[in-house]
């Protein structure tokens, strides 16, 4: 099962509304079950450097079916996934990437970048809530 374009756009719209509410312009990416970019939005004045980060957060969440921030805890020196962020063309191991689930099946993921990692995760979770 895959996220549809209509669903991906709804996820992005909800995330944009949350970003507007907190006053932080964001880059928001949605990937499908194969980790391919499905939809993307760069809000006005969002950092250019965060475009790539948002996409990689979404891909990281889908590649490992967990929040990108959870990878961070496992990838510290001495951790079981130390240096994993250099795999797969580059991963992001801090918050803002969250899988999108349909029942128990992963259908894609959202990645958000542009604010603090707490803000990125908050905006991503608003997008996830719109999918459910």
C-alpha atoms as a PDB file:
ATOM      1  CA  UNK A   1       0.000   0.000   0.000  1.00  0.00           C
ATOM      2  CA  UNK A   2       1.199   3.499  -0.831  1.00  0.00           C
ATOM      3  CA  UNK A   3       0.195   7.006   0.147  1.00  0.00           C
ATOM      4  CA  UNK A   4      -1.723   8.739  -2.643  1.00  0.00           C
ATOM      5  CA  UNK A   5      -0.886  12.188  -3.957  1.00  0.00           C
ATOM      6  CA  UNK A   6      -4.118  13.531  -2.491  1.00  0.00           C
ATOM      7  CA  UNK A   7      -3.236  12.094   0.937  1.00  0.00           C
ATOM      8  CA  UNK A   8       0.334  13.405   0.713  1.00  0.00           C
ATOM      9  CA  UNK A   9      -0.940  16.878  -0.120  1.00  0.00           C
ATOM     10  CA  UNK A  10      -3.329  16.755   2.863  1.00  0.00           C
ATOM     11  CA  UNK A  11      -0.404  15.824   5.112  1.00  0.00           C
ATOM     12  CA  UNK A  12       1.616  18.757   3.783  1.00  0.00           C
ATOM     13  CA  UNK A  13      -1.307  21.167   4.174  1.00  0.00           C
ATOM     14  CA  UNK A  14      -1.789  20.181   7.826  1.00  0.00           C
ATOM     15  CA  UNK A  15       1.934  20.512   8.497  1.00  0.00           C
ATOM     16  CA  UNK A  16       1.983  23.946   6.823  1.00  0.00           C
ATOM     17  CA  UNK A  17      -0.909  25.102   9.000  1.00  0.00           C
ATOM     18  CA  UNK A  18       0.969  24.030  12.129  1.00  0.00           C
ATOM     19  CA  UNK A  19       4.148  25.770  10.923  1.00  0.00           C
ATOM     20  CA  UNK A  20       2.151  28.954  10.297  1.00  0.00           C
ATOM     21  CA  UNK A  21       0.583  28.648  13.745  1.00  0.00           C
ATOM     22  CA  UNK A  22       3.996  28.531  15.435  1.00  0.00           C
ATOM     23  CA  UNK A  23       5.405  31.160  13.076  1.00  0.00           C
ATOM     24  CA  UNK A  24       8.239  29.146  11.551  1.00  0.00           C
ATOM     25  CA  UNK A  25       8.586  28.669   7.773  1.00  0.00           C
ATOM     26  CA  UNK A  26       9.337  25.030   7.011  1.00  0.00           C
ATOM     27  CA  UNK A  27      10.333  22.663   4.244  1.00  0.00           C
ATOM     28  CA  UNK A  28       7.975  19.690   4.258  1.00  0.00           C
ATOM     29  CA  UNK A  29       8.525  16.467   2.326  1.00  0.00           C
ATOM     30  CA  UNK A  30       6.377  13.361   1.991  1.00  0.00           C
ATOM     31  CA  UNK A  31       7.783  10.128   0.584  1.00  0.00           C
ATOM     32  CA  UNK A  32       5.865   7.024  -0.442  1.00  0.00           C
ATOM     33  CA  UNK A  33       6.392   3.461   0.800  1.00  0.00           C
ATOM     34  CA  UNK A  34       9.410   3.115  -1.509  1.00  0.00           C
ATOM     35  CA  UNK A  35      10.977   6.287  -0.027  1.00  0.00           C
ATOM     36  CA  UNK A  36      10.395   8.181  -3.287  1.00  0.00           C
ATOM     37  CA  UNK A  37       9.443  11.845  -3.011  1.00  0.00           C
ATOM     38  CA  UNK A  38       5.658  12.113  -3.384  1.00  0.00           C
ATOM     39  CA  UNK A  39       4.984  15.738  -2.418  1.00  0.00           C
ATOM     40  CA  UNK A  40       6.999  18.703  -1.228  1.00  0.00           C
ATOM     41  CA  UNK A  41       6.426  22.271  -0.064  1.00  0.00           C
ATOM     42  CA  UNK A  42       8.916  24.994   0.713  1.00  0.00           C
ATOM     43  CA  UNK A  43       7.135  27.700   2.627  1.00  0.00           C
ATOM     44  CA  UNK A  44       8.082  31.299   1.877  1.00  0.00           C
ATOM     45  CA  UNK A  45      11.357  32.204   3.595  1.00  0.00           C
ATOM     46  CA  UNK A  46      12.124  28.632   4.676  1.00  0.00           C
ATOM     47  CA  UNK A  47      15.856  27.939   4.742  1.00  0.00           C
ATOM     48  CA  UNK A  48      17.307  26.645   1.481  1.00  0.00           C
ATOM     49  CA  UNK A  49      19.619  24.330   3.411  1.00  0.00           C
ATOM     50  CA  UNK A  50      16.612  22.623   4.942  1.00  0.00           C
ATOM     51  CA  UNK A  51      15.190  21.414   1.619  1.00  0.00           C
ATOM     52  CA  UNK A  52      17.571  18.455   1.491  1.00  0.00           C
ATOM     53  CA  UNK A  53      17.297  17.855   5.229  1.00  0.00           C
ATOM     54  CA  UNK A  54      13.497  17.552   5.116  1.00  0.00           C
ATOM     55  CA  UNK A  55      13.668  15.017   2.291  1.00  0.00           C
ATOM     56  CA  UNK A  56      16.372  13.004   4.061  1.00  0.00           C
ATOM     57  CA  UNK A  57      14.393  13.026   7.319  1.00  0.00           C
ATOM     58  CA  UNK A  58      11.397  11.546   5.489  1.00  0.00           C
ATOM     59  CA  UNK A  59      13.572   8.926   3.779  1.00  0.00           C
ATOM     60  CA  UNK A  60      15.315   8.040   7.050  1.00  0.00           C
ATOM     61  CA  UNK A  61      11.945   7.513   8.752  1.00  0.00           C
ATOM     62  CA  UNK A  62      10.800   5.250   5.912  1.00  0.00           C
ATOM     63  CA  UNK A  63      14.054   3.326   5.498  1.00  0.00           C
ATOM     64  CA  UNK A  64      13.950   2.270   9.158  1.00  0.00           C
ATOM     65  CA  UNK A  65      10.220   2.620   9.936  1.00  0.00           C
ATOM     66  CA  UNK A  66      10.876   4.755  12.984  1.00  0.00           C
ATOM     67  CA  UNK A  67      11.180   8.422  13.765  1.00  0.00           C
ATOM     68  CA  UNK A  68      14.429   9.930  12.537  1.00  0.00           C
ATOM     69  CA  UNK A  69      15.176  11.153  16.072  1.00  0.00           C
ATOM     70  CA  UNK A  70      15.067   7.561  17.347  1.00  0.00           C
ATOM     71  CA  UNK A  71      17.936   6.748  14.986  1.00  0.00           C
ATOM     72  CA  UNK A  72      19.944   9.476  16.737  1.00  0.00           C
ATOM     73  CA  UNK A  73      19.859   7.632  20.028  1.00  0.00           C
ATOM     74  CA  UNK A  74      21.133   4.481  18.361  1.00  0.00           C
ATOM     75  CA  UNK A  75      23.833   6.130  16.271  1.00  0.00           C
ATOM     76  CA  UNK A  76      25.926   7.702  19.023  1.00  0.00           C
ATOM     77  CA  UNK A  77      29.553   6.590  19.497  1.00  0.00           C
ATOM     78  CA  UNK A  78      29.484   3.098  20.940  1.00  0.00           C
ATOM     79  CA  UNK A  79      25.840   2.626  19.887  1.00  0.00           C
ATOM     80  CA  UNK A  80      24.610  -0.266  17.758  1.00  0.00           C
ATOM     81  CA  UNK A  81      24.082   1.975  14.700  1.00  0.00           C
ATOM     82  CA  UNK A  82      27.129   4.223  15.086  1.00  0.00           C
ATOM     83  CA  UNK A  83      27.884   6.021  11.780  1.00  0.00           C
ATOM     84  CA  UNK A  84      24.648   4.880  10.109  1.00  0.00           C
ATOM     85  CA  UNK A  85      23.985   8.448   8.948  1.00  0.00           C
ATOM     86  CA  UNK A  86      26.636   8.020   6.243  1.00  0.00           C
ATOM     87  CA  UNK A  87      24.729   5.109   4.680  1.00  0.00           C
ATOM     88  CA  UNK A  88      21.969   5.268   2.071  1.00  0.00           C
ATOM     89  CA  UNK A  89      23.282   8.459   0.496  1.00  0.00           C
ATOM     90  CA  UNK A  90      23.096  10.255   3.833  1.00  0.00           C
ATOM     91  CA  UNK A  91      20.570   9.948   6.625  1.00  0.00           C
ATOM     92  CA  UNK A  92      19.357  12.425   9.220  1.00  0.00           C
ATOM     93  CA  UNK A  93      19.457  11.215  12.799  1.00  0.00           C
ATOM     94  CA  UNK A  94      17.621  13.992  14.612  1.00  0.00           C
ATOM     95  CA  UNK A  95      13.861  14.666  15.015  1.00  0.00           C
ATOM     96  CA  UNK A  96      11.505  15.732  12.236  1.00  0.00           C
ATOM     97  CA  UNK A  97      11.041  12.532  10.226  1.00  0.00           C
ATOM     98  CA  UNK A  98       8.020  10.361  11.066  1.00  0.00           C
ATOM     99  CA  UNK A  99       6.569   7.270   9.344  1.00  0.00           C
ATOM    100  CA  UNK A 100       3.008   7.390   8.007  1.00  0.00           C
ATOM    101  CA  UNK A 101       0.991   4.280   8.840  1.00  0.00           C
ATOM    102  CA  UNK A 102      -2.250   2.812   7.555  1.00  0.00           C
ATOM    103  CA  UNK A 103      -3.334   0.403  10.279  1.00  0.00           C
ATOM    104  CA  UNK A 104      -0.091  -1.552  10.764  1.00  0.00           C
ATOM    105  CA  UNK A 105       1.392  -0.911   7.319  1.00  0.00           C
ATOM    106  CA  UNK A 106       3.866   1.877   6.555  1.00  0.00           C
ATOM    107  CA  UNK A 107       2.657   3.837   3.510  1.00  0.00           C
ATOM    108  CA  UNK A 108       5.276   6.591   3.524  1.00  0.00           C
ATOM    109  CA  UNK A 109       6.838   9.199   5.771  1.00  0.00           C
ATOM    110  CA  UNK A 110       6.983  12.938   6.379  1.00  0.00           C
ATOM    111  CA  UNK A 111      10.123  14.974   6.927  1.00  0.00           C
ATOM    112  CA  UNK A 112      10.158  18.559   8.192  1.00  0.00           C
ATOM    113  CA  UNK A 113      13.033  20.996   8.582  1.00  0.00           C
ATOM    114  CA  UNK A 114      13.330  24.710   9.226  1.00  0.00           C
ATOM    115  CA  UNK A 115      12.953  25.258  12.954  1.00  0.00           C
ATOM    116  CA  UNK A 116      14.361  23.702  16.089  1.00  0.00           C
ATOM    117  CA  UNK A 117      14.226  19.908  16.102  1.00  0.00           C
ATOM    118  CA  UNK A 118      11.337  20.126  18.567  1.00  0.00           C
ATOM    119  CA  UNK A 119       9.432  22.413  16.192  1.00  0.00           C
ATOM    120  CA  UNK A 120      10.245  20.183  13.225  1.00  0.00           C
ATOM    121  CA  UNK A 121       8.848  17.147  15.051  1.00  0.00           C
ATOM    122  CA  UNK A 122       5.750  19.076  16.187  1.00  0.00           C
ATOM    123  CA  UNK A 123       4.996  20.103  12.602  1.00  0.00           C
ATOM    124  CA  UNK A 124       5.665  16.573  11.313  1.00  0.00           C
ATOM    125  CA  UNK A 125       3.267  15.100  13.885  1.00  0.00           C
ATOM    126  CA  UNK A 126       0.572  17.565  12.758  1.00  0.00           C
ATOM    127  CA  UNK A 127       1.005  16.160   9.268  1.00  0.00           C
ATOM    128  CA  UNK A 128       0.816  12.593  10.546  1.00  0.00           C
ATOM    129  CA  UNK A 129      -2.421  13.395  12.375  1.00  0.00           C
ATOM    130  CA  UNK A 130      -3.959  14.576   9.094  1.00  0.00           C
ATOM    131  CA  UNK A 131      -3.225  11.215   7.491  1.00  0.00           C
ATOM    132  CA  UNK A 132      -5.050   9.164  10.136  1.00  0.00           C
END
